[in-house]
Amino acid sequence: GLVALRREGLEIGAWPFLRIGLLVMPPALL
């Protein structure tokens, strides 16, 4: 999915993905 986004010109690195994951994952687990 990230490769496809990069092909479209949207660059999302590992750190921003991790920050969002840290915010979204706990409520999803709960």
PDB file of all heavy atoms in Angstrom:
ATOM      1  N   GLY A   1       0.819  -1.206   0.000  1.00  0.00           N
ATOM      2  CA  GLY A   1       0.000   0.000   0.000  1.00  0.00           C
ATOM      3  C   GLY A   1       0.854   1.258   0.000  1.00  0.00           C
ATOM      4  O   GLY A   1       0.574   2.209  -0.732  1.00  0.00           O
ATOM      5  N   LEU A   2       1.925   1.257   0.794  1.00  0.00           N
ATOM      6  CA  LEU A   2       2.815   2.421   0.826  1.00  0.00           C
ATOM      7  C   LEU A   2       3.556   2.586  -0.498  1.00  0.00           C
ATOM      8  O   LEU A   2       3.788   3.711  -0.945  1.00  0.00           O
ATOM      9  CB  LEU A   2       3.797   2.299   1.987  1.00  0.00           C
ATOM     10  CG  LEU A   2       3.171   2.483   3.369  1.00  0.00           C
ATOM     11  CD1 LEU A   2       4.196   2.204   4.460  1.00  0.00           C
ATOM     12  CD2 LEU A   2       2.594   3.875   3.523  1.00  0.00           C
ATOM     13  N   VAL A   3       3.918   1.481  -1.123  1.00  0.00           N
ATOM     14  CA  VAL A   3       4.570   1.558  -2.437  1.00  0.00           C
ATOM     15  C   VAL A   3       3.610   2.185  -3.453  1.00  0.00           C
ATOM     16  O   VAL A   3       3.999   3.051  -4.240  1.00  0.00           O
ATOM     17  CB  VAL A   3       5.046   0.167  -2.902  1.00  0.00           C
ATOM     18  CG1 VAL A   3       5.454   0.176  -4.357  1.00  0.00           C
ATOM     19  CG2 VAL A   3       6.202  -0.315  -2.025  1.00  0.00           C
ATOM     20  N   ALA A   4       2.352   1.779  -3.419  1.00  0.00           N
ATOM     21  CA  ALA A   4       1.355   2.337  -4.338  1.00  0.00           C
ATOM     22  C   ALA A   4       1.157   3.831  -4.081  1.00  0.00           C
ATOM     23  O   ALA A   4       1.043   4.618  -5.030  1.00  0.00           O
ATOM     24  CB  ALA A   4       0.031   1.591  -4.190  1.00  0.00           C
ATOM     25  N   LEU A   5       1.135   4.233  -2.798  1.00  0.00           N
ATOM     26  CA  LEU A   5       1.000   5.652  -2.481  1.00  0.00           C
ATOM     27  C   LEU A   5       2.203   6.450  -2.988  1.00  0.00           C
ATOM     28  O   LEU A   5       2.046   7.553  -3.508  1.00  0.00           O
ATOM     29  CB  LEU A   5       0.855   5.844  -0.970  1.00  0.00           C
ATOM     30  CG  LEU A   5      -0.471   5.407  -0.373  1.00  0.00           C
ATOM     31  CD1 LEU A   5      -0.431   5.499   1.147  1.00  0.00           C
ATOM     32  CD2 LEU A   5      -1.612   6.243  -0.925  1.00  0.00           C
ATOM     33  N   ARG A   6       3.380   5.877  -2.864  1.00  0.00           N
ATOM     34  CA  ARG A   6       4.584   6.573  -3.355  1.00  0.00           C
ATOM     35  C   ARG A   6       4.537   6.751  -4.860  1.00  0.00           C
ATOM     36  O   ARG A   6       4.986   7.766  -5.384  1.00  0.00           O
ATOM     37  CB  ARG A   6       5.832   5.789  -2.952  1.00  0.00           C
ATOM     38  CG  ARG A   6       6.164   5.994  -1.510  1.00  0.00           C
ATOM     39  CD  ARG A   6       7.562   5.530  -1.194  1.00  0.00           C
ATOM     40  NE  ARG A   6       7.797   5.792   0.205  1.00  0.00           N
ATOM     41  CZ  ARG A   6       8.237   4.916   1.065  1.00  0.00           C
ATOM     42  NH1 ARG A   6       8.540   3.708   0.674  1.00  0.00           N
ATOM     43  NH2 ARG A   6       8.409   5.237   2.319  1.00  0.00           N
ATOM     44  N   ARG A   7       4.022   5.737  -5.556  1.00  0.00           N
ATOM     45  CA  ARG A   7       3.903   5.861  -7.011  1.00  0.00           C
ATOM     46  C   ARG A   7       2.981   7.007  -7.395  1.00  0.00           C
ATOM     47  O   ARG A   7       3.127   7.614  -8.438  1.00  0.00           O
ATOM     48  CB  ARG A   7       3.377   4.552  -7.617  1.00  0.00           C
ATOM     49  CG  ARG A   7       4.493   3.680  -8.140  1.00  0.00           C
ATOM     50  CD  ARG A   7       3.962   2.525  -8.935  1.00  0.00           C
ATOM     51  NE  ARG A   7       3.904   1.403  -8.006  1.00  0.00           N
ATOM     52  CZ  ARG A   7       2.896   0.560  -7.862  1.00  0.00           C
ATOM     53  NH1 ARG A   7       1.836   0.674  -8.602  1.00  0.00           N
ATOM     54  NH2 ARG A   7       2.938  -0.403  -6.975  1.00  0.00           N
ATOM     55  N   GLU A   8       2.031   7.300  -6.511  1.00  0.00           N
ATOM     56  CA  GLU A   8       1.088   8.402  -6.763  1.00  0.00           C
ATOM     57  C   GLU A   8       1.612   9.733  -6.243  1.00  0.00           C
ATOM     58  O   GLU A   8       0.922  10.739  -6.296  1.00  0.00           O
ATOM     59  CB  GLU A   8      -0.268   8.084  -6.120  1.00  0.00           C
ATOM     60  CG  GLU A   8      -0.950   6.855  -6.706  1.00  0.00           C
ATOM     61  CD  GLU A   8      -1.260   7.023  -8.181  1.00  0.00           C
ATOM     62  OE1 GLU A   8      -1.670   8.123  -8.597  1.00  0.00           O
ATOM     63  OE2 GLU A   8      -1.082   6.044  -8.929  1.00  0.00           O
ATOM     64  N   GLY A   9       2.827   9.725  -5.683  1.00  0.00           N
ATOM     65  CA  GLY A   9       3.433  10.966  -5.224  1.00  0.00           C
ATOM     66  C   GLY A   9       3.223  11.288  -3.759  1.00  0.00           C
ATOM     67  O   GLY A   9       3.605  12.359  -3.300  1.00  0.00           O
ATOM     68  N   LEU A  10       2.595  10.403  -3.001  1.00  0.00           N
ATOM     69  CA  LEU A  10       2.374  10.638  -1.577  1.00  0.00           C
ATOM     70  C   LEU A  10       3.400   9.846  -0.789  1.00  0.00           C
ATOM     71  O   LEU A  10       3.378   8.627  -0.754  1.00  0.00           O
ATOM     72  CB  LEU A  10       0.959  10.215  -1.186  1.00  0.00           C
ATOM     73  CG  LEU A  10       0.543  10.459   0.251  1.00  0.00           C
ATOM     74  CD1 LEU A  10       0.639  11.943   0.588  1.00  0.00           C
ATOM     75  CD2 LEU A  10      -0.861   9.973   0.475  1.00  0.00           C
ATOM     76  N   GLU A  11       4.326  10.544  -0.160  1.00  0.00           N
ATOM     77  CA  GLU A  11       5.423   9.911   0.579  1.00  0.00           C
ATOM     78  C   GLU A  11       5.053   9.814   2.054  1.00  0.00           C
ATOM     79  O   GLU A  11       4.881  10.832   2.726  1.00  0.00           O
ATOM     80  CB  GLU A  11       6.702  10.732   0.398  1.00  0.00           C
ATOM     81  CG  GLU A  11       7.913  10.160   1.062  1.00  0.00           C
ATOM     82  CD  GLU A  11       8.510   8.991   0.305  1.00  0.00           C
ATOM     83  OE1 GLU A  11       8.331   8.921  -0.927  1.00  0.00           O
ATOM     84  OE2 GLU A  11       9.164   8.152   0.934  1.00  0.00           O
ATOM     85  N   ILE A  12       4.919   8.600   2.560  1.00  0.00           N
ATOM     86  CA  ILE A  12       4.671   8.367   3.981  1.00  0.00           C
ATOM     87  C   ILE A  12       5.789   7.472   4.484  1.00  0.00           C
ATOM     88  O   ILE A  12       5.910   6.328   4.054  1.00  0.00           O
ATOM     89  CB  ILE A  12       3.298   7.697   4.226  1.00  0.00           C
ATOM     90  CG1 ILE A  12       2.181   8.585   3.702  1.00  0.00           C
ATOM     91  CG2 ILE A  12       3.114   7.396   5.711  1.00  0.00           C
ATOM     92  CD1 ILE A  12       0.818   7.972   3.801  1.00  0.00           C
ATOM     93  N   GLY A  13       6.602   7.998   5.382  1.00  0.00           N
ATOM     94  CA  GLY A  13       7.732   7.248   5.907  1.00  0.00           C
ATOM     95  C   GLY A  13       7.337   6.363   7.080  1.00  0.00           C
ATOM     96  O   GLY A  13       6.187   6.355   7.538  1.00  0.00           O
ATOM     97  N   ALA A  14       8.310   5.625   7.580  1.00  0.00           N
ATOM     98  CA  ALA A  14       8.064   4.687   8.674  1.00  0.00           C
ATOM     99  C   ALA A  14       7.726   5.414   9.978  1.00  0.00           C
ATOM    100  O   ALA A  14       6.862   4.961  10.733  1.00  0.00           O
ATOM    101  CB  ALA A  14       9.274   3.787   8.863  1.00  0.00           C
ATOM    102  N   TRP A  15       8.398   6.532  10.258  1.00  0.00           N
ATOM    103  CA  TRP A  15       8.138   7.243  11.518  1.00  0.00           C
ATOM    104  C   TRP A  15       6.715   7.816  11.582  1.00  0.00           C
ATOM    105  O   TRP A  15       6.044   7.631  12.605  1.00  0.00           O
ATOM    106  CB  TRP A  15       9.176   8.332  11.740  1.00  0.00           C
ATOM    107  CG  TRP A  15      10.516   7.785  12.124  1.00  0.00           C
ATOM    108  CD1 TRP A  15      11.674   7.885  11.409  1.00  0.00           C
ATOM    109  CD2 TRP A  15      10.851   7.028  13.290  1.00  0.00           C
ATOM    110  NE1 TRP A  15      12.697   7.234  12.054  1.00  0.00           N
ATOM    111  CE2 TRP A  15      12.219   6.699  13.217  1.00  0.00           C
ATOM    112  CE3 TRP A  15      10.119   6.590  14.386  1.00  0.00           C
ATOM    113  CZ2 TRP A  15      12.872   5.972  14.202  1.00  0.00           C
ATOM    114  CZ3 TRP A  15      10.776   5.865  15.367  1.00  0.00           C
ATOM    115  CH2 TRP A  15      12.127   5.561  15.276  1.00  0.00           C
ATOM    116  N   PRO A  16       6.228   8.521  10.556  1.00  0.00           N
ATOM    117  CA  PRO A  16       4.832   8.993  10.624  1.00  0.00           C
ATOM    118  C   PRO A  16       3.839   7.831  10.737  1.00  0.00           C
ATOM    119  O   PRO A  16       2.853   7.925  11.469  1.00  0.00           O
ATOM    120  CB  PRO A  16       4.629   9.753   9.312  1.00  0.00           C
ATOM    121  CG  PRO A  16       5.993  10.162   8.889  1.00  0.00           C
ATOM    122  CD  PRO A  16       6.902   9.070   9.374  1.00  0.00           C
ATOM    123  N   PHE A  17       4.120   6.750  10.034  1.00  0.00           N
ATOM    124  CA  PHE A  17       3.239   5.577  10.119  1.00  0.00           C
ATOM    125  C   PHE A  17       3.224   5.037  11.545  1.00  0.00           C
ATOM    126  O   PHE A  17       2.171   4.690  12.082  1.00  0.00           O
ATOM    127  CB  PHE A  17       3.711   4.506   9.137  1.00  0.00           C
ATOM    128  CG  PHE A  17       2.743   3.379   8.960  1.00  0.00           C
ATOM    129  CD1 PHE A  17       1.809   3.406   7.944  1.00  0.00           C
ATOM    130  CD2 PHE A  17       2.768   2.290   9.805  1.00  0.00           C
ATOM    131  CE1 PHE A  17       0.905   2.365   7.782  1.00  0.00           C
ATOM    132  CE2 PHE A  17       1.874   1.241   9.653  1.00  0.00           C
ATOM    133  CZ  PHE A  17       0.941   1.279   8.636  1.00  0.00           C
ATOM    134  N   LEU A  18       4.410   4.964  12.184  1.00  0.00           N
ATOM    135  CA  LEU A  18       4.512   4.474  13.554  1.00  0.00           C
ATOM    136  C   LEU A  18       3.767   5.389  14.518  1.00  0.00           C
ATOM    137  O   LEU A  18       3.050   4.918  15.406  1.00  0.00           O
ATOM    138  CB  LEU A  18       5.985   4.360  13.962  1.00  0.00           C
ATOM    139  CG  LEU A  18       6.264   3.903  15.386  1.00  0.00           C
ATOM    140  CD1 LEU A  18       5.737   2.489  15.599  1.00  0.00           C
ATOM    141  CD2 LEU A  18       7.739   3.968  15.683  1.00  0.00           C
ATOM    142  N   ARG A  19       3.913   6.710  14.349  1.00  0.00           N
ATOM    143  CA  ARG A  19       3.211   7.648  15.235  1.00  0.00           C
ATOM    144  C   ARG A  19       1.693   7.480  15.130  1.00  0.00           C
ATOM    145  O   ARG A  19       0.994   7.452  16.142  1.00  0.00           O
ATOM    146  CB  ARG A  19       3.608   9.085  14.900  1.00  0.00           C
ATOM    147  CG  ARG A  19       4.976   9.465  15.440  1.00  0.00           C
ATOM    148  CD  ARG A  19       5.186  10.973  15.379  1.00  0.00           C
ATOM    149  NE  ARG A  19       5.139  11.495  14.018  1.00  0.00           N
ATOM    150  CZ  ARG A  19       6.185  11.634  13.222  1.00  0.00           C
ATOM    151  NH1 ARG A  19       7.375  11.269  13.644  1.00  0.00           N
ATOM    152  NH2 ARG A  19       6.058  12.127  12.020  1.00  0.00           N
ATOM    153  N   ILE A  20       1.190   7.354  13.923  1.00  0.00           N
ATOM    154  CA  ILE A  20      -0.252   7.157  13.743  1.00  0.00           C
ATOM    155  C   ILE A  20      -0.673   5.809  14.323  1.00  0.00           C
ATOM    156  O   ILE A  20      -1.700   5.697  14.986  1.00  0.00           O
ATOM    157  CB  ILE A  20      -0.632   7.283  12.259  1.00  0.00           C
ATOM    158  CG1 ILE A  20      -0.430   8.725  11.801  1.00  0.00           C
ATOM    159  CG2 ILE A  20      -2.081   6.842  12.030  1.00  0.00           C
ATOM    160  CD1 ILE A  20      -0.544   8.923  10.304  1.00  0.00           C
ATOM    161  N   GLY A  21       0.153   4.781  14.074  1.00  0.00           N
ATOM    162  CA  GLY A  21      -0.149   3.452  14.615  1.00  0.00           C
ATOM    163  C   GLY A  21      -0.212   3.452  16.133  1.00  0.00           C
ATOM    164  O   GLY A  21      -1.071   2.794  16.731  1.00  0.00           O
ATOM    165  N   LEU A  22       0.696   4.194  16.781  1.00  0.00           N
ATOM    166  CA  LEU A  22       0.688   4.273  18.246  1.00  0.00           C
ATOM    167  C   LEU A  22      -0.565   4.957  18.775  1.00  0.00           C
ATOM    168  O   LEU A  22      -1.039   4.660  19.870  1.00  0.00           O
ATOM    169  CB  LEU A  22       1.930   5.008  18.736  1.00  0.00           C
ATOM    170  CG  LEU A  22       3.228   4.211  18.685  1.00  0.00           C
ATOM    171  CD1 LEU A  22       4.415   5.122  18.994  1.00  0.00           C
ATOM    172  CD2 LEU A  22       3.183   3.041  19.639  1.00  0.00           C
ATOM    173  N   LEU A  23      -1.123   5.869  17.994  1.00  0.00           N
ATOM    174  CA  LEU A  23      -2.349   6.549  18.408  1.00  0.00           C
ATOM    175  C   LEU A  23      -3.592   5.703  18.150  1.00  0.00           C
ATOM    176  O   LEU A  23      -4.525   5.696  18.948  1.00  0.00           O
ATOM    177  CB  LEU A  23      -2.488   7.887  17.672  1.00  0.00           C
ATOM    178  CG  LEU A  23      -1.491   8.974  18.042  1.00  0.00           C
ATOM    179  CD1 LEU A  23      -1.637  10.160  17.092  1.00  0.00           C
ATOM    180  CD2 LEU A  23      -1.706   9.404  19.479  1.00  0.00           C
ATOM    181  N   VAL A  24      -3.600   4.996  17.039  1.00  0.00           N
ATOM    182  CA  VAL A  24      -4.800   4.277  16.613  1.00  0.00           C
ATOM    183  C   VAL A  24      -4.895   2.877  17.219  1.00  0.00           C
ATOM    184  O   VAL A  24      -5.990   2.395  17.516  1.00  0.00           O
ATOM    185  CB  VAL A  24      -4.836   4.199  15.066  1.00  0.00           C
ATOM    186  CG1 VAL A  24      -5.973   3.334  14.581  1.00  0.00           C
ATOM    187  CG2 VAL A  24      -4.939   5.592  14.489  1.00  0.00           C
ATOM    188  N   MET A  25      -3.754   2.227  17.428  1.00  0.00           N
ATOM    189  CA  MET A  25      -3.773   0.838  17.873  1.00  0.00           C
ATOM    190  C   MET A  25      -4.391   0.631  19.259  1.00  0.00           C
ATOM    191  O   MET A  25      -5.231  -0.264  19.420  1.00  0.00           O
ATOM    192  CB  MET A  25      -2.373   0.247  17.835  1.00  0.00           C
ATOM    193  CG  MET A  25      -2.368  -1.248  18.130  1.00  0.00           C
ATOM    194  SD  MET A  25      -0.728  -1.939  18.187  1.00  0.00           S
ATOM    195  CE  MET A  25       0.071  -0.958  19.410  1.00  0.00           C
ATOM    196  N   PRO A  26      -4.044   1.404  20.291  1.00  0.00           N
ATOM    197  CA  PRO A  26      -4.633   1.137  21.620  1.00  0.00           C
ATOM    198  C   PRO A  26      -6.164   1.178  21.654  1.00  0.00           C
ATOM    199  O   PRO A  26      -6.789   0.261  22.185  1.00  0.00           O
ATOM    200  CB  PRO A  26      -4.006   2.208  22.516  1.00  0.00           C
ATOM    201  CG  PRO A  26      -2.700   2.514  21.848  1.00  0.00           C
ATOM    202  CD  PRO A  26      -2.990   2.414  20.372  1.00  0.00           C
ATOM    203  N   PRO A  27      -6.807   2.209  21.070  1.00  0.00           N
ATOM    204  CA  PRO A  27      -8.273   2.165  21.071  1.00  0.00           C
ATOM    205  C   PRO A  27      -8.830   0.974  20.295  1.00  0.00           C
ATOM    206  O   PRO A  27      -9.843   0.381  20.698  1.00  0.00           O
ATOM    207  CB  PRO A  27      -8.682   3.474  20.393  1.00  0.00           C
ATOM    208  CG  PRO A  27      -7.506   4.362  20.474  1.00  0.00           C
ATOM    209  CD  PRO A  27      -6.314   3.472  20.526  1.00  0.00           C
ATOM    210  N   ALA A  28      -8.168   0.603  19.203  1.00  0.00           N
ATOM    211  CA  ALA A  28      -8.635  -0.558  18.440  1.00  0.00           C
ATOM    212  C   ALA A  28      -8.511  -1.834  19.267  1.00  0.00           C
ATOM    213  O   ALA A  28      -9.386  -2.697  19.219  1.00  0.00           O
ATOM    214  CB  ALA A  28      -7.827  -0.683  17.139  1.00  0.00           C
ATOM    215  N   LEU A  29      -7.444  -1.949  20.034  1.00  0.00           N
ATOM    216  CA  LEU A  29      -7.278  -3.125  20.895  1.00  0.00           C
ATOM    217  C   LEU A  29      -8.303  -3.150  22.010  1.00  0.00           C
ATOM    218  O   LEU A  29      -8.840  -4.208  22.349  1.00  0.00           O
ATOM    219  CB  LEU A  29      -5.868  -3.147  21.498  1.00  0.00           C
ATOM    220  CG  LEU A  29      -4.743  -3.513  20.565  1.00  0.00           C
ATOM    221  CD1 LEU A  29      -3.405  -3.365  21.277  1.00  0.00           C
ATOM    222  CD2 LEU A  29      -4.906  -4.930  20.058  1.00  0.00           C
ATOM    223  N   LEU A  30      -8.568  -1.985  22.589  1.00  0.00           N
ATOM    224  CA  LEU A  30      -9.556  -1.930  23.674  1.00  0.00           C
ATOM    225  C   LEU A  30     -10.958  -2.215  23.179  1.00  0.00           C
ATOM    226  O   LEU A  30     -11.753  -2.844  23.861  1.00  0.00           O
ATOM    227  CB  LEU A  30      -9.505  -0.558  24.351  1.00  0.00           C
ATOM    228  CG  LEU A  30      -8.233  -0.281  25.155  1.00  0.00           C
ATOM    229  CD1 LEU A  30      -8.237   1.155  25.658  1.00  0.00           C
ATOM    230  CD2 LEU A  30      -8.102  -1.248  26.308  1.00  0.00           C
TER     231      LEU A  30
END
